Protein backbone atom coordinates (compact mmCIF):
# COMPACT_ATOMS: atom_id res chain seq x y z
CA UNK A 1 -34.76 -14.50 -22.40
CA UNK A 2 -31.26 -15.32 -21.18
CA UNK A 3 -29.80 -18.67 -22.23
CA UNK A 4 -29.91 -21.30 -19.52
CA UNK A 5 -26.75 -21.93 -17.53
CA UNK A 6 -25.61 -25.55 -17.84
CA UNK A 7 -24.79 -27.37 -14.61
CA UNK A 8 -23.11 -30.59 -13.58
CA UNK A 9 -23.95 -31.55 -9.98
CA UNK A 10 -21.67 -34.00 -8.17
CA UNK A 11 -22.63 -35.16 -4.66
CA UNK A 12 -22.76 -38.64 -3.17
CA UNK A 13 -25.98 -38.01 -1.20
CA UNK A 14 -28.83 -38.83 -3.64
CA UNK A 15 -31.62 -36.99 -1.82
CA UNK A 16 -29.58 -33.82 -1.45
CA UNK A 17 -28.34 -33.97 -5.05
CA UNK A 18 -31.85 -34.54 -6.40
CA UNK A 19 -33.13 -31.61 -4.35
CA UNK A 20 -30.45 -29.29 -5.76
CA UNK A 21 -31.11 -30.44 -9.31
CA UNK A 22 -34.87 -29.98 -8.98
CA UNK A 23 -34.66 -26.56 -7.28
CA UNK A 24 -32.18 -25.20 -9.81
CA UNK A 25 -34.11 -26.41 -12.83
CA UNK A 26 -37.37 -25.02 -11.41
CA UNK A 27 -35.89 -21.51 -11.56
CA UNK A 28 -35.79 -21.73 -15.35
CA UNK A 29 -32.27 -20.28 -15.30
CA UNK A 30 -30.35 -23.57 -15.20
CA UNK A 31 -30.22 -26.85 -17.08
CA UNK A 32 -28.55 -29.80 -15.33
CA UNK A 33 -26.73 -31.77 -18.01
CA UNK A 34 -25.27 -34.51 -15.80
CA UNK A 35 -25.02 -35.79 -12.24
CA UNK A 36 -22.24 -37.68 -10.44
CA UNK A 37 -21.31 -39.06 -7.05
CA UNK A 38 -17.50 -39.08 -6.75
CA UNK A 39 -14.19 -37.53 -7.74
CA UNK A 40 -13.86 -39.66 -10.89
CA UNK A 41 -17.36 -38.65 -12.00
CA UNK A 42 -16.56 -34.97 -11.50
CA UNK A 43 -13.40 -35.17 -13.59
CA UNK A 44 -15.04 -37.20 -16.35
CA UNK A 45 -18.24 -35.14 -16.55
CA UNK A 46 -16.32 -31.86 -16.55
CA UNK A 47 -14.35 -33.12 -19.55
CA UNK A 48 -17.30 -34.65 -21.41
CA UNK A 49 -20.04 -32.10 -20.71
CA UNK A 50 -18.02 -28.86 -20.43
CA UNK A 51 -20.77 -27.21 -18.36
CA UNK A 52 -20.94 -23.52 -17.48
CA UNK A 53 -20.65 -24.49 -13.79
CA UNK A 54 -19.56 -27.62 -11.95
CA UNK A 55 -21.26 -27.85 -8.55
CA UNK A 56 -19.25 -30.22 -6.37
CA UNK A 57 -19.26 -31.57 -2.81
CA UNK A 58 -15.93 -31.61 -0.95
CA UNK A 59 -16.55 -34.73 1.14
CA UNK A 60 -17.60 -37.10 -1.67
CA UNK A 61 -15.62 -40.32 -2.36
CA UNK A 62 -12.21 -39.50 -3.81
CA UNK A 63 -12.36 -35.96 -2.40
CA UNK A 64 -13.77 -32.78 -3.90
CA UNK A 65 -10.49 -30.92 -3.54
CA UNK A 66 -8.70 -33.67 -5.45
CA UNK A 67 -11.35 -33.44 -8.18
CA UNK A 68 -10.92 -29.68 -8.40
CA UNK A 69 -7.13 -30.04 -8.74
CA UNK A 70 -7.48 -32.60 -11.56
CA UNK A 71 -10.16 -30.60 -13.36
CA UNK A 72 -8.14 -27.40 -13.16
CA UNK A 73 -5.24 -29.20 -14.84
CA UNK A 74 -7.45 -30.08 -17.81
CA UNK A 75 -9.67 -26.97 -17.92
CA UNK A 76 -8.39 -23.81 -16.20
CA UNK A 77 -11.47 -21.80 -17.23
CA UNK A 78 -14.32 -23.99 -15.96
CA UNK A 79 -16.37 -22.30 -13.25
CA UNK A 80 -16.36 -24.55 -10.16
CA UNK A 81 -18.45 -24.06 -7.01
CA UNK A 82 -18.11 -26.13 -3.83
CA UNK A 83 -21.43 -26.82 -2.09
CA UNK A 84 -20.35 -28.31 1.21
CA UNK A 85 -20.96 -28.65 4.95
CA UNK A 86 -17.32 -27.91 5.76
CA UNK A 87 -16.73 -24.63 7.58
CA UNK A 88 -13.03 -25.40 8.02
CA UNK A 89 -10.77 -22.44 7.25
CA UNK A 90 -8.23 -24.94 5.94
CA UNK A 91 -10.76 -26.29 3.42
CA UNK A 92 -11.75 -22.78 2.33
CA UNK A 93 -8.09 -21.82 1.88
CA UNK A 94 -7.28 -25.03 0.00
CA UNK A 95 -10.29 -24.60 -2.27
CA UNK A 96 -9.43 -20.98 -3.07
CA UNK A 97 -5.82 -21.91 -3.71
CA UNK A 98 -6.99 -24.59 -6.12
CA UNK A 99 -8.75 -21.94 -8.17
CA UNK A 100 -12.35 -22.53 -7.12
CA UNK A 101 -14.89 -19.84 -8.05
CA UNK A 102 -17.37 -20.29 -5.22
CA UNK A 103 -17.53 -21.77 -1.72
CA UNK A 104 -21.09 -22.21 -0.40
CA UNK A 105 -22.43 -23.96 2.69
CA UNK A 106 -25.18 -26.54 2.18
CA UNK A 107 -27.63 -24.67 4.40
CA UNK A 108 -28.12 -22.09 1.64
CA UNK A 109 -31.63 -21.61 0.23
CA UNK A 110 -32.49 -22.19 -3.42
CA UNK A 111 -33.04 -18.49 -4.15
CA UNK A 112 -29.66 -17.54 -2.65
CA UNK A 113 -27.94 -20.40 -4.48
CA UNK A 114 -29.47 -19.21 -7.74
CA UNK A 115 -28.08 -15.71 -7.19
CA UNK A 116 -24.66 -17.07 -6.25
CA UNK A 117 -24.41 -19.30 -9.31
CA UNK A 118 -25.42 -16.43 -11.58
CA UNK A 119 -22.72 -14.25 -9.98
CA UNK A 120 -20.16 -16.97 -10.61
CA UNK A 121 -21.38 -17.35 -14.20
CA UNK A 122 -20.69 -13.64 -14.67
CA UNK A 123 -17.08 -14.07 -13.56
CA UNK A 124 -17.28 -13.25 -9.86
CA UNK A 125 -15.90 -15.28 -6.98
CA UNK A 126 -18.14 -15.99 -4.00
CA UNK A 127 -17.41 -17.24 -0.48
CA UNK A 128 -20.15 -17.54 2.16
CA UNK A 129 -19.79 -14.22 4.08
CA UNK A 130 -19.33 -15.76 7.54
CA UNK A 131 -16.51 -17.95 6.24
CA UNK A 132 -14.97 -15.07 4.31
CA UNK A 133 -14.88 -12.90 7.46
CA UNK A 134 -13.40 -15.77 9.49
CA UNK A 135 -10.75 -16.41 6.84
CA UNK A 136 -9.77 -12.74 6.65
CA UNK A 137 -9.48 -12.62 10.45
CA UNK A 138 -7.26 -15.70 10.40
CA UNK A 139 -5.04 -14.30 7.65
CA UNK A 140 -4.72 -10.97 9.47
CA UNK A 141 -3.73 -12.78 12.66
CA UNK A 142 -1.14 -14.85 10.81
CA UNK A 143 0.25 -11.72 9.17
CA UNK A 144 0.61 -10.05 12.56
CA UNK A 145 2.29 -13.14 13.99
CA UNK A 146 4.88 -13.11 11.21
CA UNK A 147 5.72 -9.42 11.39
CA UNK A 148 9.35 -9.03 12.48
CA UNK A 149 10.02 -7.10 15.67
CA UNK A 150 11.29 -3.58 14.81
CA UNK A 151 14.33 -4.17 17.03
CA UNK A 152 15.45 -6.82 14.53
CA UNK A 153 15.67 -4.09 11.87
CA UNK A 154 18.43 -2.34 13.82
CA UNK A 155 21.97 -2.73 12.64
CA UNK A 156 24.53 -4.29 14.97
CA UNK A 157 25.97 -0.84 15.75
CA UNK A 158 22.52 0.67 16.38
CA UNK A 159 21.66 -2.15 18.76
CA UNK A 160 24.98 -1.65 20.54
CA UNK A 161 24.25 2.06 20.95
CA UNK A 162 20.76 1.32 22.23
CA UNK A 163 22.07 -1.22 24.74
CA UNK A 164 24.23 1.53 26.20
CA UNK A 165 21.28 3.95 26.20
CA UNK A 166 19.35 1.32 28.16
CA UNK A 167 22.18 1.32 30.67
CA UNK A 168 21.56 5.03 31.25
CA UNK A 169 24.53 6.43 29.33
CA UNK A 170 24.42 9.82 27.59
CA UNK A 171 25.41 10.37 23.95
CA UNK A 172 28.74 11.79 25.08
CA UNK A 173 29.45 8.77 27.30
CA UNK A 174 28.46 6.36 24.51
CA UNK A 175 30.70 8.20 22.05
CA UNK A 176 33.62 7.89 24.44
CA UNK A 177 32.89 4.18 25.08
CA UNK A 178 32.69 3.32 21.37
CA UNK A 179 35.42 5.69 20.27
CA UNK A 180 33.05 7.56 17.98
CA UNK A 181 32.05 11.21 17.64
CA UNK A 182 29.03 12.48 19.52
CA UNK A 183 27.58 13.56 16.14
CA UNK A 184 27.74 9.94 14.94
CA UNK A 185 25.93 8.74 18.06
CA UNK A 186 23.22 11.36 17.51
CA UNK A 187 22.82 10.08 13.93
CA UNK A 188 22.48 6.51 15.19
CA UNK A 189 19.88 7.62 17.73
CA UNK A 190 17.85 9.35 15.02
CA UNK A 191 17.82 6.13 13.00
CA UNK A 192 16.97 4.05 16.07
CA UNK A 193 14.00 6.21 17.03
CA UNK A 194 12.69 6.12 13.45
CA UNK A 195 13.04 2.35 13.07
CA UNK A 196 11.41 1.62 16.43
CA UNK A 197 8.76 4.33 16.03
CA UNK A 198 9.87 5.43 19.48
CA UNK A 199 9.02 8.85 20.88
CA UNK A 200 12.24 9.25 22.90
CA UNK A 201 15.31 7.47 24.27
CA UNK A 202 13.42 5.95 27.18
CA UNK A 203 10.73 4.52 24.90
CA UNK A 204 13.40 3.01 22.64
CA UNK A 205 15.22 1.48 25.61
CA UNK A 206 11.97 -0.07 26.87
CA UNK A 207 11.33 -1.65 23.48
CA UNK A 208 14.82 -3.11 23.51
CA UNK A 209 14.28 -4.55 26.99
CA UNK A 210 10.99 -6.08 25.85
CA UNK A 211 12.69 -7.65 22.85
CA UNK A 212 15.55 -9.00 25.00
CA UNK A 213 13.06 -10.53 27.43
CA UNK A 214 11.20 -12.18 24.56
CA UNK A 215 14.43 -13.62 23.17
CA UNK A 216 15.37 -15.05 26.57
CA UNK A 217 11.90 -16.59 26.95
CA UNK A 218 12.08 -18.22 23.52
CA UNK A 219 15.56 -19.50 24.30
CA UNK A 220 14.37 -21.03 27.55
CA UNK A 221 11.44 -22.72 25.79
CA UNK A 222 13.63 -24.14 23.02
CA UNK A 223 16.04 -25.60 25.56
CA UNK A 224 13.18 -27.51 27.15
CA UNK A 225 12.09 -29.18 23.91
């Protein structure tokens, strides 16, 4: 038979805490070695008991996230699982950044919680699937928002050439205007099309116009604030 996993359960709601303790011990897989109600309890019991897993609420007095930060400073290897009502993406992100090993919503059943805690015991990290999907969607959206516009990757000369293309000038006319060879202009156009992932001169010019319009809009907004 596998050795029992030792647990410390910290939650300031007695009925909920007692229910978790009873349901986990009834599985025969866990042994609750201590209970607490606040941040100070979590830090102290983690140090004194050195359990396999610390099960902690985020909204308890003193703050679960604060407890996790303090515990991590004293024991980087302790397995910590948040059992919480918070579905906030900010809380999930903060908890993961603090080094938490599991993030579980309080609506979970005892059988599912047993499986999750055993996964965490075996070195895996668990986040309630709905929250994980929401967090990934948020991170993807933020990544897209911070992607630089391809036009910004153009050099000053390439942007100058493209501005003239947008005015309807040919390579020969641009070369004459900038006092460059037509071959040089063709080289610039090759680089411009590649950087903008543009199919032709017209497509590249349209992307430049879109970027210019965006810059003007941002400038107008900043002048109003």
